[in-house]
Amino acid sequence: LNNAAVPHVNLLSLADLTRIAEGTAYFRAAVTDRTLLGFLAAFLP
């Protein structure tokens, strides 16, 4: 999903995304019927 949204977000590798996931204060998804419809990643200071 992220990489399909370039250039509105930057291109990531799986390693990049894993590092982001490990550092976020909020990393959640909107899902329905087991389908991931969107996500949001956020950091604290």
PDB file of all heavy atoms in Angstrom:
ATOM      1  N   LEU A   1       0.836  -1.210   0.000  1.00  0.00           N
ATOM      2  CA  LEU A   1       0.000   0.000   0.000  1.00  0.00           C
ATOM      3  C   LEU A   1       0.865   1.253   0.000  1.00  0.00           C
ATOM      4  O   LEU A   1       0.609   2.205  -0.736  1.00  0.00           O
ATOM      5  CB  LEU A   1      -0.920   0.030   1.226  1.00  0.00           C
ATOM      6  CG  LEU A   1      -2.209  -0.742   1.165  1.00  0.00           C
ATOM      7  CD1 LEU A   1      -2.927  -0.666   2.510  1.00  0.00           C
ATOM      8  CD2 LEU A   1      -3.110  -0.226   0.064  1.00  0.00           C
ATOM      9  N   ASN A   2       1.876   1.254   0.866  1.00  0.00           N
ATOM     10  CA  ASN A   2       2.776   2.405   0.953  1.00  0.00           C
ATOM     11  C   ASN A   2       3.420   2.681  -0.400  1.00  0.00           C
ATOM     12  O   ASN A   2       3.383   3.810  -0.899  1.00  0.00           O
ATOM     13  CB  ASN A   2       3.850   2.151   2.007  1.00  0.00           C
ATOM     14  CG  ASN A   2       4.767   3.340   2.186  1.00  0.00           C
ATOM     15  OD1 ASN A   2       4.494   4.224   2.991  1.00  0.00           O
ATOM     16  ND2 ASN A   2       5.856   3.394   1.429  1.00  0.00           N
ATOM     17  N   ASN A   3       4.024   1.681  -0.994  1.00  0.00           N
ATOM     18  CA  ASN A   3       4.798   1.891  -2.216  1.00  0.00           C
ATOM     19  C   ASN A   3       3.919   2.206  -3.415  1.00  0.00           C
ATOM     20  O   ASN A   3       4.381   2.854  -4.359  1.00  0.00           O
ATOM     21  CB  ASN A   3       5.729   0.717  -2.453  1.00  0.00           C
ATOM     22  CG  ASN A   3       6.854   0.684  -1.432  1.00  0.00           C
ATOM     23  OD1 ASN A   3       7.068   1.650  -0.693  1.00  0.00           O
ATOM     24  ND2 ASN A   3       7.567  -0.412  -1.366  1.00  0.00           N
ATOM     25  N   ALA A   4       2.654   1.829  -3.364  1.00  0.00           N
ATOM     26  CA  ALA A   4       1.717   2.212  -4.422  1.00  0.00           C
ATOM     27  C   ALA A   4       1.318   3.682  -4.307  1.00  0.00           C
ATOM     28  O   ALA A   4       0.810   4.266  -5.270  1.00  0.00           O
ATOM     29  CB  ALA A   4       0.472   1.326  -4.373  1.00  0.00           C
ATOM     30  N   ALA A   5       1.571   4.293  -3.140  1.00  0.00           N
ATOM     31  CA  ALA A   5       1.178   5.686  -2.899  1.00  0.00           C
ATOM     32  C   ALA A   5       2.296   6.692  -3.179  1.00  0.00           C
ATOM     33  O   ALA A   5       2.112   7.894  -2.979  1.00  0.00           O
ATOM     34  CB  ALA A   5       0.683   5.850  -1.469  1.00  0.00           C
ATOM     35  N   VAL A   6       3.461   6.233  -3.630  1.00  0.00           N
ATOM     36  CA  VAL A   6       4.558   7.135  -4.005  1.00  0.00           C
ATOM     37  C   VAL A   6       4.067   7.986  -5.179  1.00  0.00           C
ATOM     38  O   VAL A   6       3.406   7.452  -6.072  1.00  0.00           O
ATOM     39  CB  VAL A   6       5.812   6.297  -4.388  1.00  0.00           C
ATOM     40  CG1 VAL A   6       6.903   7.182  -4.970  1.00  0.00           C
ATOM     41  CG2 VAL A   6       6.314   5.512  -3.185  1.00  0.00           C
ATOM     42  N   PRO A   7       4.252   9.307  -5.233  1.00  0.00           N
ATOM     43  CA  PRO A   7       5.200  10.130  -4.495  1.00  0.00           C
ATOM     44  C   PRO A   7       4.618  10.816  -3.260  1.00  0.00           C
ATOM     45  O   PRO A   7       5.285  11.634  -2.654  1.00  0.00           O
ATOM     46  CB  PRO A   7       5.591  11.188  -5.522  1.00  0.00           C
ATOM     47  CG  PRO A   7       4.325  11.453  -6.257  1.00  0.00           C
ATOM     48  CD  PRO A   7       3.665  10.078  -6.353  1.00  0.00           C
ATOM     49  N   HIS A   8       3.375  10.488  -2.877  1.00  0.00           N
ATOM     50  CA  HIS A   8       2.775  11.157  -1.722  1.00  0.00           C
ATOM     51  C   HIS A   8       3.382  10.686  -0.406  1.00  0.00           C
ATOM     52  O   HIS A   8       3.300  11.385   0.607  1.00  0.00           O
ATOM     53  CB  HIS A   8       1.268  10.986  -1.744  1.00  0.00           C
ATOM     54  CG  HIS A   8       0.660  11.511  -3.007  1.00  0.00           C
ATOM     55  ND1 HIS A   8       0.821  12.821  -3.429  1.00  0.00           N
ATOM     56  CD2 HIS A   8      -0.059  10.909  -3.971  1.00  0.00           C
ATOM     57  CE1 HIS A   8       0.211  12.993  -4.585  1.00  0.00           C
ATOM     58  NE2 HIS A   8      -0.337  11.845  -4.934  1.00  0.00           N
ATOM     59  N   VAL A   9       3.981   9.503  -0.418  1.00  0.00           N
ATOM     60  CA  VAL A   9       4.822   9.017   0.676  1.00  0.00           C
ATOM     61  C   VAL A   9       6.100   8.499   0.027  1.00  0.00           C
ATOM     62  O   VAL A   9       6.125   8.263  -1.178  1.00  0.00           O
ATOM     63  CB  VAL A   9       4.137   7.897   1.504  1.00  0.00           C
ATOM     64  CG1 VAL A   9       2.914   8.412   2.224  1.00  0.00           C
ATOM     65  CG2 VAL A   9       3.790   6.697   0.630  1.00  0.00           C
ATOM     66  N   ASN A  10       7.144   8.321   0.832  1.00  0.00           N
ATOM     67  CA  ASN A  10       8.390   7.845   0.238  1.00  0.00           C
ATOM     68  C   ASN A  10       8.397   6.317   0.111  1.00  0.00           C
ATOM     69  O   ASN A  10       7.748   5.613   0.878  1.00  0.00           O
ATOM     70  CB  ASN A  10       9.607   8.346   1.016  1.00  0.00           C
ATOM     71  CG  ASN A  10       9.635   7.864   2.449  1.00  0.00           C
ATOM     72  OD1 ASN A  10       8.624   7.898   3.146  1.00  0.00           O
ATOM     73  ND2 ASN A  10      10.779   7.423   2.900  1.00  0.00           N
ATOM     74  N   LEU A  11       9.126   5.851  -0.878  1.00  0.00           N
ATOM     75  CA  LEU A  11       9.287   4.432  -1.147  1.00  0.00           C
ATOM     76  C   LEU A  11      10.038   3.780   0.010  1.00  0.00           C
ATOM     77  O   LEU A  11      11.011   4.341   0.510  1.00  0.00           O
ATOM     78  CB  LEU A  11      10.083   4.254  -2.450  1.00  0.00           C
ATOM     79  CG  LEU A  11      10.216   2.835  -2.985  1.00  0.00           C
ATOM     80  CD1 LEU A  11       8.871   2.349  -3.509  1.00  0.00           C
ATOM     81  CD2 LEU A  11      11.249   2.813  -4.109  1.00  0.00           C
ATOM     82  N   LEU A  12       9.580   2.617   0.439  1.00  0.00           N
ATOM     83  CA  LEU A  12      10.209   1.900   1.544  1.00  0.00           C
ATOM     84  C   LEU A  12      10.581   0.487   1.142  1.00  0.00           C
ATOM     85  O   LEU A  12       9.924  -0.116   0.294  1.00  0.00           O
ATOM     86  CB  LEU A  12       9.238   1.801   2.740  1.00  0.00           C
ATOM     87  CG  LEU A  12       8.788   3.078   3.415  1.00  0.00           C
ATOM     88  CD1 LEU A  12       7.739   2.762   4.473  1.00  0.00           C
ATOM     89  CD2 LEU A  12       9.970   3.811   4.033  1.00  0.00           C
ATOM     90  N   SER A  13      11.587  -0.044   1.803  1.00  0.00           N
ATOM     91  CA  SER A  13      11.889  -1.470   1.744  1.00  0.00           C
ATOM     92  C   SER A  13      11.220  -2.113   2.960  1.00  0.00           C
ATOM     93  O   SER A  13      10.783  -1.408   3.887  1.00  0.00           O
ATOM     94  CB  SER A  13      13.395  -1.698   1.801  1.00  0.00           C
ATOM     95  OG  SER A  13      13.885  -1.345   3.086  1.00  0.00           O
ATOM     96  N   LEU A  14      11.177  -3.421   2.992  1.00  0.00           N
ATOM     97  CA  LEU A  14      10.621  -4.104   4.151  1.00  0.00           C
ATOM     98  C   LEU A  14      11.448  -3.787   5.395  1.00  0.00           C
ATOM     99  O   LEU A  14      10.890  -3.597   6.486  1.00  0.00           O
ATOM    100  CB  LEU A  14      10.536  -5.618   3.916  1.00  0.00           C
ATOM    101  CG  LEU A  14       9.850  -6.413   5.018  1.00  0.00           C
ATOM    102  CD1 LEU A  14       8.435  -5.896   5.291  1.00  0.00           C
ATOM    103  CD2 LEU A  14       9.816  -7.892   4.646  1.00  0.00           C
ATOM    104  N   ALA A  15      12.763  -3.677   5.249  1.00  0.00           N
ATOM    105  CA  ALA A  15      13.623  -3.320   6.385  1.00  0.00           C
ATOM    106  C   ALA A  15      13.291  -1.912   6.896  1.00  0.00           C
ATOM    107  O   ALA A  15      13.223  -1.686   8.106  1.00  0.00           O
ATOM    108  CB  ALA A  15      15.093  -3.414   5.997  1.00  0.00           C
ATOM    109  N   ASP A  16      13.064  -0.961   5.975  1.00  0.00           N
ATOM    110  CA  ASP A  16      12.681   0.402   6.372  1.00  0.00           C
ATOM    111  C   ASP A  16      11.363   0.376   7.155  1.00  0.00           C
ATOM    112  O   ASP A  16      11.230   1.016   8.189  1.00  0.00           O
ATOM    113  CB  ASP A  16      12.473   1.305   5.149  1.00  0.00           C
ATOM    114  CG  ASP A  16      13.720   1.553   4.344  1.00  0.00           C
ATOM    115  OD1 ASP A  16      14.830   1.538   4.910  1.00  0.00           O
ATOM    116  OD2 ASP A  16      13.567   1.771   3.115  1.00  0.00           O
ATOM    117  N   LEU A  17      10.388  -0.345   6.615  1.00  0.00           N
ATOM    118  CA  LEU A  17       9.076  -0.412   7.256  1.00  0.00           C
ATOM    119  C   LEU A  17       9.170  -1.071   8.631  1.00  0.00           C
ATOM    120  O   LEU A  17       8.524  -0.619   9.580  1.00  0.00           O
ATOM    121  CB  LEU A  17       8.088  -1.164   6.369  1.00  0.00           C
ATOM    122  CG  LEU A  17       6.663  -1.264   6.910  1.00  0.00           C
ATOM    123  CD1 LEU A  17       6.045   0.118   7.128  1.00  0.00           C
ATOM    124  CD2 LEU A  17       5.800  -2.088   5.965  1.00  0.00           C
ATOM    125  N   THR A  18       9.989  -2.072   8.755  1.00  0.00           N
ATOM    126  CA  THR A  18      10.167  -2.736  10.049  1.00  0.00           C
ATOM    127  C   THR A  18      10.764  -1.767  11.069  1.00  0.00           C
ATOM    128  O   THR A  18      10.315  -1.717  12.221  1.00  0.00           O
ATOM    129  CB  THR A  18      11.054  -3.990   9.889  1.00  0.00           C
ATOM    130  OG1 THR A  18      10.402  -4.874   8.965  1.00  0.00           O
ATOM    131  CG2 THR A  18      11.262  -4.693  11.205  1.00  0.00           C
ATOM    132  N   ARG A  19      11.740  -0.954  10.650  1.00  0.00           N
ATOM    133  CA  ARG A  19      12.326   0.053  11.553  1.00  0.00           C
ATOM    134  C   ARG A  19      11.271   1.083  11.962  1.00  0.00           C
ATOM    135  O   ARG A  19      11.211   1.486  13.125  1.00  0.00           O
ATOM    136  CB  ARG A  19      13.516   0.744  10.899  1.00  0.00           C
ATOM    137  CG  ARG A  19      14.813  -0.024  11.027  1.00  0.00           C
ATOM    138  CD  ARG A  19      16.021   0.799  10.613  1.00  0.00           C
ATOM    139  NE  ARG A  19      15.999   1.204   9.211  1.00  0.00           N
ATOM    140  CZ  ARG A  19      16.321   0.420   8.192  1.00  0.00           C
ATOM    141  NH1 ARG A  19      16.698  -0.827   8.412  1.00  0.00           N
ATOM    142  NH2 ARG A  19      16.294   0.856   6.959  1.00  0.00           N
ATOM    143  N   ILE A  20      10.453   1.507  11.016  1.00  0.00           N
ATOM    144  CA  ILE A  20       9.374   2.450  11.339  1.00  0.00           C
ATOM    145  C   ILE A  20       8.438   1.822  12.363  1.00  0.00           C
ATOM    146  O   ILE A  20       8.099   2.437  13.381  1.00  0.00           O
ATOM    147  CB  ILE A  20       8.620   2.881  10.062  1.00  0.00           C
ATOM    148  CG1 ILE A  20       9.496   3.833   9.242  1.00  0.00           C
ATOM    149  CG2 ILE A  20       7.277   3.528  10.400  1.00  0.00           C
ATOM    150  CD1 ILE A  20       8.949   4.158   7.866  1.00  0.00           C
ATOM    151  N   ALA A  21       8.023   0.587  12.112  1.00  0.00           N
ATOM    152  CA  ALA A  21       7.097  -0.103  13.011  1.00  0.00           C
ATOM    153  C   ALA A  21       7.654  -0.195  14.426  1.00  0.00           C
ATOM    154  O   ALA A  21       6.907  -0.034  15.404  1.00  0.00           O
ATOM    155  CB  ALA A  21       6.791  -1.496  12.472  1.00  0.00           C
ATOM    156  N   GLU A  22       8.948  -0.425  14.547  1.00  0.00           N
ATOM    157  CA  GLU A  22       9.570  -0.568  15.862  1.00  0.00           C
ATOM    158  C   GLU A  22       9.645   0.750  16.625  1.00  0.00           C
ATOM    159  O   GLU A  22       9.694   0.751  17.852  1.00  0.00           O
ATOM    160  CB  GLU A  22      10.963  -1.171  15.713  1.00  0.00           C
ATOM    161  CG  GLU A  22      10.932  -2.617  15.267  1.00  0.00           C
ATOM    162  CD  GLU A  22      12.283  -3.162  14.839  1.00  0.00           C
ATOM    163  OE1 GLU A  22      13.265  -2.374  14.744  1.00  0.00           O
ATOM    164  OE2 GLU A  22      12.359  -4.368  14.573  1.00  0.00           O
ATOM    165  N   GLY A  23       9.647   1.892  15.914  1.00  0.00           N
ATOM    166  CA  GLY A  23       9.811   3.175  16.578  1.00  0.00           C
ATOM    167  C   GLY A  23       8.540   3.969  16.795  1.00  0.00           C
ATOM    168  O   GLY A  23       8.562   4.990  17.479  1.00  0.00           O
ATOM    169  N   THR A  24       7.437   3.523  16.231  1.00  0.00           N
ATOM    170  CA  THR A  24       6.208   4.311  16.307  1.00  0.00           C
ATOM    171  C   THR A  24       5.552   4.234  17.679  1.00  0.00           C
ATOM    172  O   THR A  24       5.681   3.245  18.405  1.00  0.00           O
ATOM    173  CB  THR A  24       5.175   3.843  15.259  1.00  0.00           C
ATOM    174  OG1 THR A  24       4.873   2.469  15.495  1.00  0.00           O
ATOM    175  CG2 THR A  24       5.647   4.080  13.848  1.00  0.00           C
ATOM    176  N   ALA A  25       4.817   5.278  17.999  1.00  0.00           N
ATOM    177  CA  ALA A  25       3.951   5.290  19.171  1.00  0.00           C
ATOM    178  C   ALA A  25       2.552   4.821  18.785  1.00  0.00           C
ATOM    179  O   ALA A  25       1.760   4.435  19.647  1.00  0.00           O
ATOM    180  CB  ALA A  25       3.877   6.702  19.748  1.00  0.00           C
ATOM    181  N   TYR A  26       2.263   4.867  17.495  1.00  0.00           N
ATOM    182  CA  TYR A  26       0.954   4.480  16.963  1.00  0.00           C
ATOM    183  C   TYR A  26       1.190   3.901  15.576  1.00  0.00           C
ATOM    184  O   TYR A  26       1.755   4.563  14.712  1.00  0.00           O
ATOM    185  CB  TYR A  26       0.055   5.721  16.876  1.00  0.00           C
ATOM    186  CG  TYR A  26      -1.330   5.475  16.327  1.00  0.00           C
ATOM    187  CD1 TYR A  26      -2.423   5.373  17.184  1.00  0.00           C
ATOM    188  CD2 TYR A  26      -1.549   5.367  14.956  1.00  0.00           C
ATOM    189  CE1 TYR A  26      -3.707   5.160  16.681  1.00  0.00           C
ATOM    190  CE2 TYR A  26      -2.830   5.151  14.455  1.00  0.00           C
ATOM    191  CZ  TYR A  26      -3.899   5.053  15.324  1.00  0.00           C
ATOM    192  OH  TYR A  26      -5.171   4.847  14.824  1.00  0.00           O
ATOM    193  N   PHE A  27       0.763   2.660  15.372  1.00  0.00           N
ATOM    194  CA  PHE A  27       0.872   2.009  14.067  1.00  0.00           C
ATOM    195  C   PHE A  27      -0.332   1.087  13.948  1.00  0.00           C
ATOM    196  O   PHE A  27      -0.316  -0.043  14.427  1.00  0.00           O
ATOM    197  CB  PHE A  27       2.191   1.239  13.966  1.00  0.00           C
ATOM    198  CG  PHE A  27       2.590   0.822  12.574  1.00  0.00           C
ATOM    199  CD1 PHE A  27       2.284   1.594  11.463  1.00  0.00           C
ATOM    200  CD2 PHE A  27       3.312  -0.332  12.379  1.00  0.00           C
ATOM    201  CE1 PHE A  27       2.676   1.218  10.188  1.00  0.00           C
ATOM    202  CE2 PHE A  27       3.716  -0.729  11.111  1.00  0.00           C
ATOM    203  CZ  PHE A  27       3.395   0.053  10.013  1.00  0.00           C
ATOM    204  N   ARG A  28      -1.392   1.633  13.356  1.00  0.00           N
ATOM    205  CA  ARG A  28      -2.663   0.918  13.328  1.00  0.00           C
ATOM    206  C   ARG A  28      -3.220   0.884  11.913  1.00  0.00           C
ATOM    207  O   ARG A  28      -2.865   1.688  11.066  1.00  0.00           O
ATOM    208  CB  ARG A  28      -3.660   1.581  14.273  1.00  0.00           C
ATOM    209  CG  ARG A  28      -3.101   1.626  15.714  1.00  0.00           C
ATOM    210  CD  ARG A  28      -4.127   1.867  16.752  1.00  0.00           C
ATOM    211  NE  ARG A  28      -4.829   0.610  16.988  1.00  0.00           N
ATOM    212  CZ  ARG A  28      -6.000   0.521  17.601  1.00  0.00           C
ATOM    213  NH1 ARG A  28      -6.598   1.605  18.049  1.00  0.00           N
ATOM    214  NH2 ARG A  28      -6.574  -0.649  17.786  1.00  0.00           N
ATOM    215  N   ALA A  29      -4.142  -0.061  11.708  1.00  0.00           N
ATOM    216  CA  ALA A  29      -4.747  -0.265  10.395  1.00  0.00           C
ATOM    217  C   ALA A  29      -6.262  -0.243  10.500  1.00  0.00           C
ATOM    218  O   ALA A  29      -6.836  -0.628  11.527  1.00  0.00           O
ATOM    219  CB  ALA A  29      -4.307  -1.606   9.820  1.00  0.00           C
ATOM    220  N   ALA A  30      -6.879   0.176   9.422  1.00  0.00           N
ATOM    221  CA  ALA A  30      -8.326   0.042   9.256  1.00  0.00           C
ATOM    222  C   ALA A  30      -8.538  -1.226   8.445  1.00  0.00           C
ATOM    223  O   ALA A  30      -7.953  -1.374   7.366  1.00  0.00           O
ATOM    224  CB  ALA A  30      -8.897   1.252   8.527  1.00  0.00           C
ATOM    225  N   VAL A  31      -9.340  -2.132   8.969  1.00  0.00           N
ATOM    226  CA  VAL A  31      -9.554  -3.411   8.297  1.00  0.00           C
ATOM    227  C   VAL A  31     -11.050  -3.736   8.251  1.00  0.00           C
ATOM    228  O   VAL A  31     -11.825  -3.286   9.086  1.00  0.00           O
ATOM    229  CB  VAL A  31      -8.799  -4.559   8.998  1.00  0.00           C
ATOM    230  CG1 VAL A  31      -7.304  -4.350   8.951  1.00  0.00           C
ATOM    231  CG2 VAL A  31      -9.261  -4.731  10.426  1.00  0.00           C
ATOM    232  N   THR A  32     -11.406  -4.520   7.272  1.00  0.00           N
ATOM    233  CA  THR A  32     -12.743  -5.075   7.171  1.00  0.00           C
ATOM    234  C   THR A  32     -12.631  -6.428   6.489  1.00  0.00           C
ATOM    235  O   THR A  32     -11.864  -6.583   5.538  1.00  0.00           O
ATOM    236  CB  THR A  32     -13.701  -4.143   6.413  1.00  0.00           C
ATOM    237  OG1 THR A  32     -15.008  -4.699   6.457  1.00  0.00           O
ATOM    238  CG2 THR A  32     -13.296  -3.932   4.977  1.00  0.00           C
ATOM    239  N   ASP A  33     -13.351  -7.402   6.980  1.00  0.00           N
ATOM    240  CA  ASP A  33     -13.346  -8.734   6.370  1.00  0.00           C
ATOM    241  C   ASP A  33     -11.936  -9.199   6.025  1.00  0.00           C
ATOM    242  O   ASP A  33     -11.678  -9.700   4.935  1.00  0.00           O
ATOM    243  CB  ASP A  33     -14.217  -8.751   5.113  1.00  0.00           C
ATOM    244  CG  ASP A  33     -15.657  -8.391   5.403  1.00  0.00           C
ATOM    245  OD1 ASP A  33     -16.128  -8.713   6.514  1.00  0.00           O
ATOM    246  OD2 ASP A  33     -16.292  -7.796   4.531  1.00  0.00           O
ATOM    247  N   ARG A  34     -11.004  -8.978   6.935  1.00  0.00           N
ATOM    248  CA  ARG A  34      -9.599  -9.391   6.764  1.00  0.00           C
ATOM    249  C   ARG A  34      -8.853  -8.620   5.670  1.00  0.00           C
ATOM    250  O   ARG A  34      -7.767  -8.995   5.271  1.00  0.00           O
ATOM    251  CB  ARG A  34      -9.494 -10.882   6.525  1.00  0.00           C
ATOM    252  CG  ARG A  34     -10.020 -11.713   7.663  1.00  0.00           C
ATOM    253  CD  ARG A  34      -9.862 -13.175   7.336  1.00  0.00           C
ATOM    254  NE  ARG A  34     -10.536 -13.972   8.333  1.00  0.00           N
ATOM    255  CZ  ARG A  34      -9.918 -14.723   9.227  1.00  0.00           C
ATOM    256  NH1 ARG A  34      -8.606 -14.754   9.262  1.00  0.00           N
ATOM    257  NH2 ARG A  34     -10.594 -15.430  10.080  1.00  0.00           N
ATOM    258  N   THR A  35      -9.464  -7.563   5.164  1.00  0.00           N
ATOM    259  CA  THR A  35      -8.815  -6.736   4.154  1.00  0.00           C
ATOM    260  C   THR A  35      -8.290  -5.477   4.815  1.00  0.00           C
ATOM    261  O   THR A  35      -9.038  -4.770   5.486  1.00  0.00           O
ATOM    262  CB  THR A  35      -9.801  -6.366   3.027  1.00  0.00           C
ATOM    263  OG1 THR A  35     -10.297  -7.568   2.443  1.00  0.00           O
ATOM    264  CG2 THR A  35      -9.129  -5.512   1.973  1.00  0.00           C
ATOM    265  N   LEU A  36      -7.013  -5.209   4.633  1.00  0.00           N
ATOM    266  CA  LEU A  36      -6.411  -4.008   5.183  1.00  0.00           C
ATOM    267  C   LEU A  36      -6.702  -2.861   4.216  1.00  0.00           C
ATOM    268  O   LEU A  36      -6.277  -2.890   3.067  1.00  0.00           O
ATOM    269  CB  LEU A  36      -4.906  -4.226   5.354  1.00  0.00           C
ATOM    270  CG  LEU A  36      -4.211  -3.250   6.281  1.00  0.00           C
ATOM    271  CD1 LEU A  36      -3.121  -3.966   7.070  1.00  0.00           C
ATOM    272  CD2 LEU A  36      -3.640  -2.094   5.518  1.00  0.00           C
ATOM    273  N   LEU A  37      -7.473  -1.864   4.692  1.00  0.00           N
ATOM    274  CA  LEU A  37      -7.927  -0.760   3.847  1.00  0.00           C
ATOM    275  C   LEU A  37      -7.031   0.466   3.934  1.00  0.00           C
ATOM    276  O   LEU A  37      -7.061   1.316   3.048  1.00  0.00           O
ATOM    277  CB  LEU A  37      -9.353  -0.369   4.231  1.00  0.00           C
ATOM    278  CG  LEU A  37     -10.399  -1.462   4.129  1.00  0.00           C
ATOM    279  CD1 LEU A  37     -11.724  -0.967   4.673  1.00  0.00           C
ATOM    280  CD2 LEU A  37     -10.533  -1.937   2.691  1.00  0.00           C
ATOM    281  N   GLY A  38      -6.271   0.573   5.001  1.00  0.00           N
ATOM    282  CA  GLY A  38      -5.397   1.729   5.180  1.00  0.00           C
ATOM    283  C   GLY A  38      -4.642   1.608   6.479  1.00  0.00           C
ATOM    284  O   GLY A  38      -4.949   0.755   7.317  1.00  0.00           O
ATOM    285  N   PHE A  39      -3.640   2.472   6.642  1.00  0.00           N
ATOM    286  CA  PHE A  39      -2.849   2.451   7.870  1.00  0.00           C
ATOM    287  C   PHE A  39      -2.339   3.847   8.184  1.00  0.00           C
ATOM    288  O   PHE A  39      -2.308   4.723   7.324  1.00  0.00           O
ATOM    289  CB  PHE A  39      -1.671   1.470   7.751  1.00  0.00           C
ATOM    290  CG  PHE A  39      -0.592   1.907   6.813  1.00  0.00           C
ATOM    291  CD1 PHE A  39       0.498   2.635   7.273  1.00  0.00           C
ATOM    292  CD2 PHE A  39      -0.661   1.611   5.457  1.00  0.00           C
ATOM    293  CE1 PHE A  39       1.494   3.049   6.400  1.00  0.00           C
ATOM    294  CE2 PHE A  39       0.333   2.014   4.583  1.00  0.00           C
ATOM    295  CZ  PHE A  39       1.412   2.738   5.056  1.00  0.00           C
ATOM    296  N   LEU A  40      -1.948   4.023   9.439  1.00  0.00           N
ATOM    297  CA  LEU A  40      -1.380   5.283   9.909  1.00  0.00           C
ATOM    298  C   LEU A  40      -0.233   4.953  10.850  1.00  0.00           C
ATOM    299  O   LEU A  40      -0.387   4.113  11.738  1.00  0.00           O
ATOM    300  CB  LEU A  40      -2.452   6.105  10.635  1.00  0.00           C
ATOM    301  CG  LEU A  40      -2.091   7.549  10.970  1.00  0.00           C
ATOM    302  CD1 LEU A  40      -3.357   8.390  11.056  1.00  0.00           C
ATOM    303  CD2 LEU A  40      -1.310   7.679  12.249  1.00  0.00           C
ATOM    304  N   ALA A  41       0.903   5.620  10.655  1.00  0.00           N
ATOM    305  CA  ALA A  41       2.081   5.477  11.510  1.00  0.00           C
ATOM    306  C   ALA A  41       2.424   6.844  12.087  1.00  0.00           C
ATOM    307  O   ALA A  41       2.486   7.830  11.348  1.00  0.00           O
ATOM    308  CB  ALA A  41       3.260   4.934  10.709  1.00  0.00           C
ATOM    309  N   ALA A  42       2.654   6.896  13.409  1.00  0.00           N
ATOM    310  CA  ALA A  42       2.939   8.176  14.061  1.00  0.00           C
ATOM    311  C   ALA A  42       3.990   8.000  15.153  1.00  0.00           C
ATOM    312  O   ALA A  42       4.076   6.951  15.792  1.00  0.00           O
ATOM    313  CB  ALA A  42       1.652   8.756  14.648  1.00  0.00           C
ATOM    314  N   PHE A  43       4.767   9.067  15.358  1.00  0.00           N
ATOM    315  CA  PHE A  43       5.871   9.087  16.318  1.00  0.00           C
ATOM    316  C   PHE A  43       5.666  10.179  17.362  1.00  0.00           C
ATOM    317  O   PHE A  43       5.164  11.264  17.048  1.00  0.00           O
ATOM    318  CB  PHE A  43       7.186   9.394  15.604  1.00  0.00           C
ATOM    319  CG  PHE A  43       7.647   8.319  14.668  1.00  0.00           C
ATOM    320  CD1 PHE A  43       7.237   8.297  13.351  1.00  0.00           C
ATOM    321  CD2 PHE A  43       8.509   7.326  15.115  1.00  0.00           C
ATOM    322  CE1 PHE A  43       7.675   7.312  12.479  1.00  0.00           C
ATOM    323  CE2 PHE A  43       8.958   6.334  14.254  1.00  0.00           C
ATOM    324  CZ  PHE A  43       8.531   6.325  12.935  1.00  0.00           C
ATOM    325  N   LEU A  44       6.137   9.919  18.562  1.00  0.00           N
ATOM    326  CA  LEU A  44       6.211  10.921  19.618  1.00  0.00           C
ATOM    327  C   LEU A  44       7.602  11.561  19.603  1.00  0.00           C
ATOM    328  O   LEU A  44       8.536  10.996  19.019  1.00  0.00           O
ATOM    329  CB  LEU A  44       5.950  10.279  20.979  1.00  0.00           C
ATOM    330  CG  LEU A  44       4.516   9.806  21.216  1.00  0.00           C
ATOM    331  CD1 LEU A  44       4.426   8.980  22.494  1.00  0.00           C
ATOM    332  CD2 LEU A  44       3.551  10.985  21.265  1.00  0.00           C
ATOM    333  N   PRO A  45       7.770  12.715  20.257  1.00  0.00           N
ATOM    334  CA  PRO A  45       9.099  13.322  20.349  1.00  0.00           C
ATOM    335  C   PRO A  45      10.093  12.363  21.005  1.00  0.00           C
ATOM    336  O   PRO A  45       9.728  11.549  21.853  1.00  0.00           O
ATOM    337  CB  PRO A  45       8.871  14.548  21.237  1.00  0.00           C
ATOM    338  CG  PRO A  45       7.433  14.862  21.082  1.00  0.00           C
ATOM    339  CD  PRO A  45       6.744  13.539  20.894  1.00  0.00           C
TER     340      PRO A  45
END
